[in-house]
Structures are given as structure tokens and as C-alpha cells.
Amino acid sequence: MLAGKMKLRNFLLLVVLAAGGVITASYLACNKSSEPAKEKEHIAMPPPPAIDAAAPPPADAAVAAAPHADLLPRPYDPEALAWRTKSLSAGKGKDVSKGRPFKINVYQDAGSKTVDRVKVDANRNNKFDDKITFKANQITLEHAPADDENYTEKYLWNGAGWTKQ
């Protein structure tokens, strides 16, 4: 009879140890997965402005803007122009248009309350096609037609499109 009690006691001890091991392993696995991923430096940036990409501008608006604009608004212009009233916690926001066919970087100079400049790479080839500058009541576009960051064309935003300077 003693041999039977010893076997049961050993069995129960093994069950308790195994259960304790499973609980400990589960706790450690859950604890590690709930930790945020460590990055080099985390910069808090506001989310990109919401735009309705599905709805194309009305045809009447393009026709009405045509006589007053030398360059009609491009698909990325609404998103780039919306950054004029936004501010950054850091001086620069890289690729604030992730997941889009274009890349937008935003810059806020020291002492400024809002974004001062926006650079746009229309085809994500790491060469900026456009540089948009926000000053007081004026929005200026410098455009590199050869996609070489050599900004040879200058435009002003007139509310409906870009007018050549």
C-alpha cells in the first residue's frame, strides 16, 4: 500500500510542477507581446489629413479652373496643401503619405507654429518633384519637370490650381 501512495504523490507533484511551468510560460509570453516595439526614436506626428481619394474632383471644377490655372491640381495636391494648417511635434515628418503612390515629407522650421514646407515625390523614386512653401497668404510651388530635383518652374496657388509666376 505504501508503494501505491508514493506513486500517486509523485504523480500529483509532477502535475503541479507541469501546471506551474505552463502558467509561467503563458505569463512570460503574454508579458513580452504586450510590450511596445522599441524603436530608435519615436516622433509623435499627427495623422495625415483625411481626404476622399475615391471621389474625383467634379468635371465642372476642372473646366472652371482651366482658364485660371496653368497647372491643374494633381492627385497629391489636396493632401499636401492640407498640411499648411497642421503642426508637428518634431521639425520634420518623413513619408506622411505611407501606402500611397506618392511620398510626402513635411517640414516645420524652428519658431513656426505650423508646417512651412512640403516636398512631394510623385513616383517614389527618391527624387522630389515638387517643393511647396507656405508663407503668410501665399502658397508657392517649385516644380522639377525633369524629376531631378532641379526646380525650374514656379507657380502660385490661386485656390483652383497653380498659376505660373
Foldseek 3Di string as FASTA:
>chain_A
DVVVVVVVVVVVVVVVVVVVVVVVVVVVVVVVVVDDDDDPDDFDFDQQDDDDLPDDPDPVLVVVCVVVAPFFDDSCVVRQVVQQPAAGPDQKDWQSPPPDQKGKIWGDDPPGGGTAKIFIGNRPPPQTQWIWGDDDPWIKIFGDPVSHNPRDWIWTDPPGYTHTD
